[in-house]
Amino acid sequence: MDFRIDVKGIDDIQKTLKELDNSVDPNTFNEWADRIARTAKILCNDPNCKRIKIVKKGQDRVTFEFADKEAFDCVIESIEKQLNYMPPVQQEIYKKLKLELETKKREFKPSS
């Protein structure tokens, strides 16, 4: 995972280290996964989780199940809406997830 941190003084360094420490916490990752899923379900009008499901969450991995291509779009849009609010480590993880989802959307074939 590559990302850059620019700091100007000791106070900035301490603040950045504290933010990084918080952002690698698995609970922080799971909170963002839940936020993204909730927003996506609103965007797709899916309160009963019939189109979008979170199957597995981990420190830097989340697995979604999708019923259709529009459901992919809802999760991708949800990530885009929240990306700038995330801690730096989470941003990098979700940028990669967004790219993976865009690829999987192109390959998606709904089950009959």
PDB file of N, CA and C in Angstrom:
ATOM      1  N   MET A   1       0.844  -1.157   0.000  1.00  0.00           N
ATOM      2  CA  MET A   1       0.000   0.000   0.000  1.00  0.00           C
ATOM      3  C   MET A   1       0.898   1.231   0.000  1.00  0.00           C
ATOM      4  N   ASP A   2       0.752   2.105  -0.978  1.00  0.00           N
ATOM      5  CA  ASP A   2       1.573   3.304  -1.065  1.00  0.00           C
ATOM      6  C   ASP A   2       0.730   4.531  -0.796  1.00  0.00           C
ATOM      7  N   PHE A   3       1.189   5.370   0.110  1.00  0.00           N
ATOM      8  CA  PHE A   3       0.573   6.666   0.290  1.00  0.00           C
ATOM      9  C   PHE A   3       1.605   7.585   0.912  1.00  0.00           C
ATOM     10  N   ARG A   4       1.405   8.875   0.746  1.00  0.00           N
ATOM     11  CA  ARG A   4       2.384   9.872   1.165  1.00  0.00           C
ATOM     12  C   ARG A   4       1.814  10.685   2.316  1.00  0.00           C
ATOM     13  N   ILE A   5       2.663  11.010   3.272  1.00  0.00           N
ATOM     14  CA  ILE A   5       2.293  11.850   4.402  1.00  0.00           C
ATOM     15  C   ILE A   5       3.218  13.055   4.409  1.00  0.00           C
ATOM     16  N   ASP A   6       2.634  14.229   4.339  1.00  0.00           N
ATOM     17  CA  ASP A   6       3.417  15.463   4.410  1.00  0.00           C
ATOM     18  C   ASP A   6       3.223  16.087   5.780  1.00  0.00           C
ATOM     19  N   VAL A   7       4.317  16.344   6.476  1.00  0.00           N
ATOM     20  CA  VAL A   7       4.239  16.972   7.789  1.00  0.00           C
ATOM     21  C   VAL A   7       5.231  18.120   7.855  1.00  0.00           C
ATOM     22  N   LYS A   8       4.924  19.103   8.718  1.00  0.00           N
ATOM     23  CA  LYS A   8       5.776  20.288   8.795  1.00  0.00           C
ATOM     24  C   LYS A   8       6.516  20.408  10.122  1.00  0.00           C
ATOM     25  N   GLY A   9       6.001  19.842  11.196  1.00  0.00           N
ATOM     26  CA  GLY A   9       6.644  19.967  12.495  1.00  0.00           C
ATOM     27  C   GLY A   9       6.282  18.817  13.398  1.00  0.00           C
ATOM     28  N   ILE A  10       6.808  18.847  14.623  1.00  0.00           N
ATOM     29  CA  ILE A  10       6.601  17.749  15.564  1.00  0.00           C
ATOM     30  C   ILE A  10       5.124  17.573  15.897  1.00  0.00           C
ATOM     31  N   ASP A  11       4.381  18.672  16.027  1.00  0.00           N
ATOM     32  CA  ASP A  11       2.953  18.560  16.317  1.00  0.00           C
ATOM     33  C   ASP A  11       2.222  17.866  15.173  1.00  0.00           C
ATOM     34  N   ASP A  12       2.578  18.219  13.941  1.00  0.00           N
ATOM     35  CA  ASP A  12       1.971  17.582  12.778  1.00  0.00           C
ATOM     36  C   ASP A  12       2.328  16.095  12.727  1.00  0.00           C
ATOM     37  N   ILE A  13       3.559  15.774  13.061  1.00  0.00           N
ATOM     38  CA  ILE A  13       3.996  14.370  13.054  1.00  0.00           C
ATOM     39  C   ILE A  13       3.184  13.572  14.071  1.00  0.00           C
ATOM     40  N   GLN A  14       3.042  14.107  15.283  1.00  0.00           N
ATOM     41  CA  GLN A  14       2.293  13.403  16.319  1.00  0.00           C
ATOM     42  C   GLN A  14       0.823  13.235  15.922  1.00  0.00           C
ATOM     43  N   LYS A  15       0.248  14.274  15.365  1.00  0.00           N
ATOM     44  CA  LYS A  15      -1.151  14.198  14.924  1.00  0.00           C
ATOM     45  C   LYS A  15      -1.305  13.144  13.830  1.00  0.00           C
ATOM     46  N   THR A  16      -0.382  13.146  12.862  1.00  0.00           N
ATOM     47  CA  THR A  16      -0.448  12.191  11.759  1.00  0.00           C
ATOM     48  C   THR A  16      -0.284  10.765  12.257  1.00  0.00           C
ATOM     49  N   LEU A  17       0.650  10.533  13.179  1.00  0.00           N
ATOM     50  CA  LEU A  17       0.843   9.190  13.733  1.00  0.00           C
ATOM     51  C   LEU A  17      -0.398   8.714  14.482  1.00  0.00           C
ATOM     52  N   LYS A  18      -1.031   9.612  15.227  1.00  0.00           N
ATOM     53  CA  LYS A  18      -2.261   9.233  15.934  1.00  0.00           C
ATOM     54  C   LYS A  18      -3.365   8.879  14.938  1.00  0.00           C
ATOM     55  N   GLU A  19      -3.509   9.667  13.861  1.00  0.00           N
ATOM     56  CA  GLU A  19      -4.513   9.369  12.835  1.00  0.00           C
ATOM     57  C   GLU A  19      -4.229   8.027  12.166  1.00  0.00           C
ATOM     58  N   LEU A  20      -2.962   7.764  11.860  1.00  0.00           N
ATOM     59  CA  LEU A  20      -2.605   6.483  11.241  1.00  0.00           C
ATOM     60  C   LEU A  20      -2.886   5.320  12.179  1.00  0.00           C
ATOM     61  N   ASP A  21      -2.562   5.494  13.444  1.00  0.00           N
ATOM     62  CA  ASP A  21      -2.815   4.441  14.422  1.00  0.00           C
ATOM     63  C   ASP A  21      -4.304   4.125  14.482  1.00  0.00           C
ATOM     64  N   ASN A  22      -5.128   5.151  14.508  1.00  0.00           N
ATOM     65  CA  ASN A  22      -6.580   4.946  14.546  1.00  0.00           C
ATOM     66  C   ASN A  22      -7.095   4.332  13.251  1.00  0.00           C
ATOM     67  N   SER A  23      -6.498   4.695  12.128  1.00  0.00           N
ATOM     68  CA  SER A  23      -7.034   4.251  10.844  1.00  0.00           C
ATOM     69  C   SER A  23      -6.710   2.793  10.526  1.00  0.00           C
ATOM     70  N   VAL A  24      -5.702   2.200  11.165  1.00  0.00           N
ATOM     71  CA  VAL A  24      -5.400   0.794  10.909  1.00  0.00           C
ATOM     72  C   VAL A  24      -6.135  -0.134  11.877  1.00  0.00           C
ATOM     73  N   ASP A  25      -6.846   0.428  12.813  1.00  0.00           N
ATOM     74  CA  ASP A  25      -7.652  -0.346  13.742  1.00  0.00           C
ATOM     75  C   ASP A  25      -8.760  -1.063  12.969  1.00  0.00           C
ATOM     76  N   PRO A  26      -8.907  -2.381  13.141  1.00  0.00           N
ATOM     77  CA  PRO A  26      -9.946  -3.124  12.424  1.00  0.00           C
ATOM     78  C   PRO A  26     -11.349  -2.567  12.658  1.00  0.00           C
ATOM     79  N   ASN A  27     -11.584  -2.032  13.842  1.00  0.00           N
ATOM     80  CA  ASN A  27     -12.898  -1.455  14.125  1.00  0.00           C
ATOM     81  C   ASN A  27     -13.174  -0.249  13.230  1.00  0.00           C
ATOM     82  N   THR A  28     -12.143   0.549  12.949  1.00  0.00           N
ATOM     83  CA  THR A  28     -12.306   1.692  12.055  1.00  0.00           C
ATOM     84  C   THR A  28     -12.657   1.213  10.660  1.00  0.00           C
ATOM     85  N   PHE A  29     -11.964   0.189  10.191  1.00  0.00           N
ATOM     86  CA  PHE A  29     -12.272  -0.359   8.873  1.00  0.00           C
ATOM     87  C   PHE A  29     -13.719  -0.843   8.821  1.00  0.00           C
ATOM     88  N   ASN A  30     -14.142  -1.576   9.830  1.00  0.00           N
ATOM     89  CA  ASN A  30     -15.502  -2.108   9.866  1.00  0.00           C
ATOM     90  C   ASN A  30     -16.546  -1.003   9.939  1.00  0.00           C
ATOM     91  N   GLU A  31     -16.244   0.072  10.661  1.00  0.00           N
ATOM     92  CA  GLU A  31     -17.166   1.207  10.713  1.00  0.00           C
ATOM     93  C   GLU A  31     -17.378   1.789   9.324  1.00  0.00           C
ATOM     94  N   TRP A  32     -16.295   1.942   8.561  1.00  0.00           N
ATOM     95  CA  TRP A  32     -16.416   2.492   7.206  1.00  0.00           C
ATOM     96  C   TRP A  32     -17.129   1.521   6.280  1.00  0.00           C
ATOM     97  N   ALA A  33     -16.893   0.240   6.440  1.00  0.00           N
ATOM     98  CA  ALA A  33     -17.609  -0.752   5.624  1.00  0.00           C
ATOM     99  C   ALA A  33     -19.107  -0.652   5.884  1.00  0.00           C
ATOM    100  N   ASP A  34     -19.468  -0.511   7.159  1.00  0.00           N
ATOM    101  CA  ASP A  34     -20.885  -0.383   7.507  1.00  0.00           C
ATOM    102  C   ASP A  34     -21.479   0.908   6.941  1.00  0.00           C
ATOM    103  N   ARG A  35     -20.743   2.004   7.026  1.00  0.00           N
ATOM    104  CA  ARG A  35     -21.233   3.277   6.481  1.00  0.00           C
ATOM    105  C   ARG A  35     -21.451   3.178   4.978  1.00  0.00           C
ATOM    106  N   ILE A  36     -20.499   2.586   4.313  1.00  0.00           N
ATOM    107  CA  ILE A  36     -20.613   2.442   2.852  1.00  0.00           C
ATOM    108  C   ILE A  36     -21.814   1.572   2.506  1.00  0.00           C
ATOM    109  N   ALA A  37     -21.983   0.475   3.211  1.00  0.00           N
ATOM    110  CA  ALA A  37     -23.111  -0.421   2.935  1.00  0.00           C
ATOM    111  C   ALA A  37     -24.443   0.275   3.201  1.00  0.00           C
ATOM    112  N   ARG A  38     -24.549   0.991   4.319  1.00  0.00           N
ATOM    113  CA  ARG A  38     -25.799   1.699   4.634  1.00  0.00           C
ATOM    114  C   ARG A  38     -26.135   2.722   3.555  1.00  0.00           C
ATOM    115  N   THR A  39     -25.147   3.498   3.144  1.00  0.00           N
ATOM    116  CA  THR A  39     -25.382   4.507   2.104  1.00  0.00           C
ATOM    117  C   THR A  39     -25.764   3.845   0.789  1.00  0.00           C
ATOM    118  N   ALA A  40     -25.081   2.769   0.435  1.00  0.00           N
ATOM    119  CA  ALA A  40     -25.382   2.062  -0.818  1.00  0.00           C
ATOM    120  C   ALA A  40     -26.804   1.510  -0.801  1.00  0.00           C
ATOM    121  N   LYS A  41     -27.231   1.002   0.342  1.00  0.00           N
ATOM    122  CA  LYS A  41     -28.586   0.450   0.448  1.00  0.00           C
ATOM    123  C   LYS A  41     -29.635   1.551   0.288  1.00  0.00           C
ATOM    124  N   ILE A  42     -29.327   2.741   0.772  1.00  0.00           N
ATOM    125  CA  ILE A  42     -30.231   3.878   0.576  1.00  0.00           C
ATOM    126  C   ILE A  42     -30.259   4.255  -0.906  1.00  0.00           C
ATOM    127  N   LEU A  43     -29.081   4.329  -1.522  1.00  0.00           N
ATOM    128  CA  LEU A  43     -29.002   4.693  -2.940  1.00  0.00           C
ATOM    129  C   LEU A  43     -29.751   3.697  -3.819  1.00  0.00           C
ATOM    130  N   CYS A  44     -29.718   2.424  -3.447  1.00  0.00           N
ATOM    131  CA  CYS A  44     -30.369   1.369  -4.241  1.00  0.00           C
ATOM    132  C   CYS A  44     -31.765   1.022  -3.728  1.00  0.00           C
ATOM    133  N   ASN A  45     -32.239   1.745  -2.720  1.00  0.00           N
ATOM    134  CA  ASN A  45     -33.537   1.436  -2.132  1.00  0.00           C
ATOM    135  C   ASN A  45     -33.597  -0.053  -1.756  1.00  0.00           C
ATOM    136  N   ASP A  46     -32.634  -0.470  -0.924  1.00  0.00           N
ATOM    137  CA  ASP A  46     -32.478  -1.884  -0.555  1.00  0.00           C
ATOM    138  C   ASP A  46     -32.420  -2.058   0.968  1.00  0.00           C
ATOM    139  N   PRO A  47     -33.452  -1.627   1.696  1.00  0.00           N
ATOM    140  CA  PRO A  47     -33.383  -1.723   3.155  1.00  0.00           C
ATOM    141  C   PRO A  47     -33.374  -3.154   3.683  1.00  0.00           C
ATOM    142  N   ASN A  48     -33.866  -4.103   2.911  1.00  0.00           N
ATOM    143  CA  ASN A  48     -33.928  -5.499   3.365  1.00  0.00           C
ATOM    144  C   ASN A  48     -32.739  -6.334   2.902  1.00  0.00           C
ATOM    145  N   CYS A  49     -31.727  -5.696   2.334  1.00  0.00           N
ATOM    146  CA  CYS A  49     -30.484  -6.363   1.926  1.00  0.00           C
ATOM    147  C   CYS A  49     -30.717  -7.466   0.896  1.00  0.00           C
ATOM    148  N   LYS A  50     -31.616  -7.257  -0.011  1.00  0.00           N
ATOM    149  CA  LYS A  50     -31.862  -8.251  -1.063  1.00  0.00           C
ATOM    150  C   LYS A  50     -30.934  -8.043  -2.262  1.00  0.00           C
ATOM    151  N   ARG A  51     -30.392  -6.837  -2.422  1.00  0.00           N
ATOM    152  CA  ARG A  51     -29.541  -6.550  -3.578  1.00  0.00           C
ATOM    153  C   ARG A  51     -28.078  -6.398  -3.192  1.00  0.00           C
ATOM    154  N   ILE A  52     -27.804  -5.941  -1.977  1.00  0.00           N
ATOM    155  CA  ILE A  52     -26.430  -5.715  -1.512  1.00  0.00           C
ATOM    156  C   ILE A  52     -26.288  -6.337  -0.127  1.00  0.00           C
ATOM    157  N   LYS A  53     -25.290  -7.209   0.026  1.00  0.00           N
ATOM    158  CA  LYS A  53     -25.008  -7.819   1.325  1.00  0.00           C
ATOM    159  C   LYS A  53     -23.519  -7.704   1.608  1.00  0.00           C
ATOM    160  N   ILE A  54     -23.186  -7.383   2.855  1.00  0.00           N
ATOM    161  CA  ILE A  54     -21.798  -7.511   3.296  1.00  0.00           C
ATOM    162  C   ILE A  54     -21.682  -8.917   3.847  1.00  0.00           C
ATOM    163  N   VAL A  55     -20.774  -9.685   3.261  1.00  0.00           N
ATOM    164  CA  VAL A  55     -20.613 -11.071   3.677  1.00  0.00           C
ATOM    165  C   VAL A  55     -19.520 -11.195   4.721  1.00  0.00           C
ATOM    166  N   LYS A  56     -18.389 -10.533   4.502  1.00  0.00           N
ATOM    167  CA  LYS A  56     -17.241 -10.689   5.387  1.00  0.00           C
ATOM    168  C   LYS A  56     -16.508  -9.361   5.474  1.00  0.00           C
ATOM    169  N   LYS A  57     -16.126  -8.993   6.698  1.00  0.00           N
ATOM    170  CA  LYS A  57     -15.316  -7.801   6.909  1.00  0.00           C
ATOM    171  C   LYS A  57     -14.047  -8.232   7.618  1.00  0.00           C
ATOM    172  N   GLY A  58     -12.983  -7.518   7.383  1.00  0.00           N
ATOM    173  CA  GLY A  58     -11.730  -7.797   8.055  1.00  0.00           C
ATOM    174  C   GLY A  58     -10.942  -6.521   8.186  1.00  0.00           C
ATOM    175  N   GLN A  59      -9.684  -6.633   8.600  1.00  0.00           N
ATOM    176  CA  GLN A  59      -8.881  -5.436   8.830  1.00  0.00           C
ATOM    177  C   GLN A  59      -8.737  -4.596   7.572  1.00  0.00           C
ATOM    178  N   ASP A  60      -8.564  -5.225   6.441  1.00  0.00           N
ATOM    179  CA  ASP A  60      -8.425  -4.437   5.210  1.00  0.00           C
ATOM    180  C   ASP A  60      -9.142  -5.109   4.048  1.00  0.00           C
ATOM    181  N   ARG A  61     -10.222  -5.815   4.352  1.00  0.00           N
ATOM    182  CA  ARG A  61     -10.940  -6.539   3.307  1.00  0.00           C
ATOM    183  C   ARG A  61     -12.429  -6.550   3.621  1.00  0.00           C
ATOM    184  N   VAL A  62     -13.239  -6.301   2.617  1.00  0.00           N
ATOM    185  CA  VAL A  62     -14.690  -6.402   2.759  1.00  0.00           C
ATOM    186  C   VAL A  62     -15.203  -7.133   1.531  1.00  0.00           C
ATOM    187  N   THR A  63     -16.171  -8.017   1.734  1.00  0.00           N
ATOM    188  CA  THR A  63     -16.746  -8.761   0.623  1.00  0.00           C
ATOM    189  C   THR A  63     -18.228  -8.439   0.546  1.00  0.00           C
ATOM    190  N   PHE A  64     -18.648  -8.012  -0.631  1.00  0.00           N
ATOM    191  CA  PHE A  64     -20.052  -7.725  -0.878  1.00  0.00           C
ATOM    192  C   PHE A  64     -20.610  -8.781  -1.810  1.00  0.00           C
ATOM    193  N   GLU A  65     -21.915  -9.037  -1.704  1.00  0.00           N
ATOM    194  CA  GLU A  65     -22.635  -9.838  -2.687  1.00  0.00           C
ATOM    195  C   GLU A  65     -23.648  -8.926  -3.350  1.00  0.00           C
ATOM    196  N   PHE A  66     -23.768  -9.054  -4.683  1.00  0.00           N
ATOM    197  CA  PHE A  66     -24.634  -8.176  -5.456  1.00  0.00           C
ATOM    198  C   PHE A  66     -25.669  -8.980  -6.229  1.00  0.00           C
ATOM    199  N   ALA A  67     -26.871  -8.438  -6.307  1.00  0.00           N
ATOM    200  CA  ALA A  67     -27.933  -9.093  -7.065  1.00  0.00           C
ATOM    201  C   ALA A  67     -27.973  -8.621  -8.515  1.00  0.00           C
ATOM    202  N   ASP A  68     -27.452  -7.410  -8.774  1.00  0.00           N
ATOM    203  CA  ASP A  68     -27.509  -6.859 -10.127  1.00  0.00           C
ATOM    204  C   ASP A  68     -26.418  -5.799 -10.307  1.00  0.00           C
ATOM    205  N   LYS A  69     -26.256  -5.347 -11.557  1.00  0.00           N
ATOM    206  CA  LYS A  69     -25.197  -4.367 -11.851  1.00  0.00           C
ATOM    207  C   LYS A  69     -25.458  -3.022 -11.182  1.00  0.00           C
ATOM    208  N   GLU A  70     -26.711  -2.638 -11.064  1.00  0.00           N
ATOM    209  CA  GLU A  70     -27.028  -1.365 -10.414  1.00  0.00           C
ATOM    210  C   GLU A  70     -26.570  -1.370  -8.953  1.00  0.00           C
ATOM    211  N   ALA A  71     -26.607  -2.521  -8.307  1.00  0.00           N
ATOM    212  CA  ALA A  71     -26.145  -2.633  -6.930  1.00  0.00           C
ATOM    213  C   ALA A  71     -24.645  -2.317  -6.837  1.00  0.00           C
ATOM    214  N   PHE A  72     -23.875  -2.756  -7.831  1.00  0.00           N
ATOM    215  CA  PHE A  72     -22.455  -2.388  -7.887  1.00  0.00           C
ATOM    216  C   PHE A  72     -22.319  -0.871  -7.913  1.00  0.00           C
ATOM    217  N   ASP A  73     -23.112  -0.233  -8.795  1.00  0.00           N
ATOM    218  CA  ASP A  73     -23.054   1.224  -8.933  1.00  0.00           C
ATOM    219  C   ASP A  73     -23.350   1.928  -7.608  1.00  0.00           C
ATOM    220  N   CYS A  74     -24.285   1.403  -6.850  1.00  0.00           N
ATOM    221  CA  CYS A  74     -24.633   2.017  -5.572  1.00  0.00           C
ATOM    222  C   CYS A  74     -23.467   1.966  -4.587  1.00  0.00           C
ATOM    223  N   VAL A  75     -22.779   0.838  -4.528  1.00  0.00           N
ATOM    224  CA  VAL A  75     -21.635   0.718  -3.622  1.00  0.00           C
ATOM    225  C   VAL A  75     -20.490   1.605  -4.111  1.00  0.00           C
ATOM    226  N   ILE A  76     -20.237   1.613  -5.405  1.00  0.00           N
ATOM    227  CA  ILE A  76     -19.174   2.462  -5.963  1.00  0.00           C
ATOM    228  C   ILE A  76     -19.470   3.932  -5.660  1.00  0.00           C
ATOM    229  N   GLU A  77     -20.712   4.354  -5.874  1.00  0.00           N
ATOM    230  CA  GLU A  77     -21.088   5.748  -5.594  1.00  0.00           C
ATOM    231  C   GLU A  77     -20.969   6.057  -4.107  1.00  0.00           C
ATOM    232  N   SER A  78     -21.337   5.104  -3.268  1.00  0.00           N
ATOM    233  CA  SER A  78     -21.218   5.295  -1.825  1.00  0.00           C
ATOM    234  C   SER A  78     -19.754   5.499  -1.418  1.00  0.00           C
ATOM    235  N   ILE A  79     -18.861   4.699  -1.985  1.00  0.00           N
ATOM    236  CA  ILE A  79     -17.428   4.860  -1.700  1.00  0.00           C
ATOM    237  C   ILE A  79     -16.974   6.246  -2.133  1.00  0.00           C
ATOM    238  N   GLU A  80     -17.358   6.658  -3.348  1.00  0.00           N
ATOM    239  CA  GLU A  80     -16.959   7.971  -3.860  1.00  0.00           C
ATOM    240  C   GLU A  80     -17.447   9.099  -2.949  1.00  0.00           C
ATOM    241  N   LYS A  81     -18.662   8.996  -2.445  1.00  0.00           N
ATOM    242  CA  LYS A  81     -19.236  10.036  -1.591  1.00  0.00           C
ATOM    243  C   LYS A  81     -18.487  10.157  -0.265  1.00  0.00           C
ATOM    244  N   GLN A  82     -17.934   9.058   0.237  1.00  0.00           N
ATOM    245  CA  GLN A  82     -17.350   9.065   1.575  1.00  0.00           C
ATOM    246  C   GLN A  82     -15.825   9.048   1.598  1.00  0.00           C
ATOM    247  N   LEU A  83     -15.223   8.885   0.455  1.00  0.00           N
ATOM    248  CA  LEU A  83     -13.774   8.718   0.379  1.00  0.00           C
ATOM    249  C   LEU A  83     -13.000   9.845   1.062  1.00  0.00           C
ATOM    250  N   ASN A  84     -13.368  11.073   0.823  1.00  0.00           N
ATOM    251  CA  ASN A  84     -12.617  12.210   1.373  1.00  0.00           C
ATOM    252  C   ASN A  84     -12.750  12.359   2.887  1.00  0.00           C
ATOM    253  N   TYR A  85     -13.711  11.681   3.481  1.00  0.00           N
ATOM    254  CA  TYR A  85     -13.917  11.768   4.926  1.00  0.00           C
ATOM    255  C   TYR A  85     -13.159  10.691   5.691  1.00  0.00           C
ATOM    256  N   MET A  86     -12.618   9.717   4.981  1.00  0.00           N
ATOM    257  CA  MET A  86     -11.938   8.579   5.605  1.00  0.00           C
ATOM    258  C   MET A  86     -10.507   8.934   6.009  1.00  0.00           C
ATOM    259  N   PRO A  87      -9.986   8.216   6.999  1.00  0.00           N
ATOM    260  CA  PRO A  87      -8.556   8.330   7.313  1.00  0.00           C
ATOM    261  C   PRO A  87      -7.731   7.861   6.104  1.00  0.00           C
ATOM    262  N   PRO A  88      -6.479   8.316   5.989  1.00  0.00           N
ATOM    263  CA  PRO A  88      -5.647   8.009   4.817  1.00  0.00           C
ATOM    264  C   PRO A  88      -5.539   6.524   4.471  1.00  0.00           C
ATOM    265  N   VAL A  89      -5.355   5.675   5.455  1.00  0.00           N
ATOM    266  CA  VAL A  89      -5.209   4.240   5.173  1.00  0.00           C
ATOM    267  C   VAL A  89      -6.506   3.698   4.589  1.00  0.00           C
ATOM    268  N   GLN A  90      -7.634   4.096   5.160  1.00  0.00           N
ATOM    269  CA  GLN A  90      -8.923   3.643   4.661  1.00  0.00           C
ATOM    270  C   GLN A  90      -9.155   4.125   3.233  1.00  0.00           C
ATOM    271  N   GLN A  91      -8.748   5.346   2.939  1.00  0.00           N
ATOM    272  CA  GLN A  91      -8.896   5.870   1.578  1.00  0.00           C
ATOM    273  C   GLN A  91      -8.196   4.975   0.570  1.00  0.00           C
ATOM    274  N   GLU A  92      -6.985   4.566   0.884  1.00  0.00           N
ATOM    275  CA  GLU A  92      -6.230   3.711  -0.037  1.00  0.00           C
ATOM    276  C   GLU A  92      -6.917   2.360  -0.220  1.00  0.00           C
ATOM    277  N   ILE A  93      -7.401   1.792   0.858  1.00  0.00           N
ATOM    278  CA  ILE A  93      -8.089   0.501   0.782  1.00  0.00           C
ATOM    279  C   ILE A  93      -9.339   0.609  -0.080  1.00  0.00           C
ATOM    280  N   TYR A  94     -10.127   1.642   0.166  1.00  0.00           N
ATOM    281  CA  TYR A  94     -11.395   1.766  -0.560  1.00  0.00           C
ATOM    282  C   TYR A  94     -11.209   2.232  -1.997  1.00  0.00           C
ATOM    283  N   LYS A  95     -10.137   2.929  -2.296  1.00  0.00           N
ATOM    284  CA  LYS A  95      -9.833   3.248  -3.707  1.00  0.00           C
ATOM    285  C   LYS A  95      -9.587   1.955  -4.477  1.00  0.00           C
ATOM    286  N   LYS A  96      -8.833   1.048  -3.866  1.00  0.00           N
ATOM    287  CA  LYS A  96      -8.554  -0.244  -4.508  1.00  0.00           C
ATOM    288  C   LYS A  96      -9.824  -1.076  -4.625  1.00  0.00           C
ATOM    289  N   LEU A  97     -10.641  -1.069  -3.581  1.00  0.00           N
ATOM    290  CA  LEU A  97     -11.896  -1.814  -3.620  1.00  0.00           C
ATOM    291  C   LEU A  97     -12.797  -1.275  -4.729  1.00  0.00           C
ATOM    292  N   LYS A  98     -12.836   0.025  -4.873  1.00  0.00           N
ATOM    293  CA  LYS A  98     -13.661   0.643  -5.923  1.00  0.00           C
ATOM    294  C   LYS A  98     -13.215   0.167  -7.306  1.00  0.00           C
ATOM    295  N   LEU A  99     -11.916   0.114  -7.542  1.00  0.00           N
ATOM    296  CA  LEU A  99     -11.405  -0.379  -8.821  1.00  0.00           C
ATOM    297  C   LEU A  99     -11.776  -1.848  -9.029  1.00  0.00           C
ATOM    298  N   GLU A 100     -11.664  -2.651  -7.967  1.00  0.00           N
ATOM    299  CA  GLU A 100     -12.046  -4.070  -8.064  1.00  0.00           C
ATOM    300  C   GLU A 100     -13.525  -4.210  -8.391  1.00  0.00           C
ATOM    301  N   LEU A 101     -14.361  -3.395  -7.759  1.00  0.00           N
ATOM    302  CA  LEU A 101     -15.802  -3.459  -8.008  1.00  0.00           C
ATOM    303  C   LEU A 101     -16.140  -3.052  -9.437  1.00  0.00           C
ATOM    304  N   GLU A 102     -15.444  -2.054  -9.959  1.00  0.00           N
ATOM    305  CA  GLU A 102     -15.682  -1.639 -11.343  1.00  0.00           C
ATOM    306  C   GLU A 102     -15.348  -2.776 -12.309  1.00  0.00           C
ATOM    307  N   THR A 103     -14.274  -3.504 -12.044  1.00  0.00           N
ATOM    308  CA  THR A 103     -13.896  -4.641 -12.881  1.00  0.00           C
ATOM    309  C   THR A 103     -14.918  -5.769 -12.753  1.00  0.00           C
ATOM    310  N   LYS A 104     -15.299  -6.093 -11.513  1.00  0.00           N
ATOM    311  CA  LYS A 104     -16.252  -7.180 -11.297  1.00  0.00           C
ATOM    312  C   LYS A 104     -17.626  -6.852 -11.874  1.00  0.00           C
ATOM    313  N   LYS A 105     -17.982  -5.580 -11.879  1.00  0.00           N
ATOM    314  CA  LYS A 105     -19.264  -5.176 -12.461  1.00  0.00           C
ATOM    315  C   LYS A 105     -19.295  -5.520 -13.952  1.00  0.00           C
ATOM    316  N   ARG A 106     -18.188  -5.257 -14.646  1.00  0.00           N
ATOM    317  CA  ARG A 106     -18.127  -5.570 -16.069  1.00  0.00           C
ATOM    318  C   ARG A 106     -18.250  -7.066 -16.328  1.00  0.00           C
ATOM    319  N   GLU A 107     -17.748  -7.873 -15.399  1.00  0.00           N
ATOM    320  CA  GLU A 107     -17.759  -9.321 -15.546  1.00  0.00           C
ATOM    321  C   GLU A 107     -19.016  -9.970 -14.981  1.00  0.00           C
ATOM    322  N   PHE A 108     -19.853  -9.205 -14.286  1.00  0.00           N
ATOM    323  CA  PHE A 108     -21.001  -9.741 -13.559  1.00  0.00           C
ATOM    324  C   PHE A 108     -22.039 -10.358 -14.480  1.00  0.00           C
ATOM    325  N   LYS A 109     -22.472 -11.546 -14.085  1.00  0.00           N
ATOM    326  CA  LYS A 109     -23.579 -12.226 -14.766  1.00  0.00           C
ATOM    327  C   LYS A 109     -24.556 -12.645 -13.662  1.00  0.00           C
ATOM    328  N   PRO A 110     -25.766 -12.094 -13.689  1.00  0.00           N
ATOM    329  CA  PRO A 110     -26.712 -12.421 -12.620  1.00  0.00           C
ATOM    330  C   PRO A 110     -27.079 -13.899 -12.621  1.00  0.00           C
ATOM    331  N   SER A 111     -27.281 -14.426 -11.420  1.00  0.00           N
ATOM    332  CA  SER A 111     -27.697 -15.837 -11.340  1.00  0.00           C
ATOM    333  C   SER A 111     -29.175 -15.939 -11.677  1.00  0.00           C
ATOM    334  N   SER A 112     -29.523 -16.989 -12.356  1.00  0.00           N
ATOM    335  CA  SER A 112     -30.922 -17.154 -12.805  1.00  0.00           C
ATOM    336  C   SER A 112     -31.738 -17.904 -11.801  1.00  0.00           C
TER     337      SER A 112
END
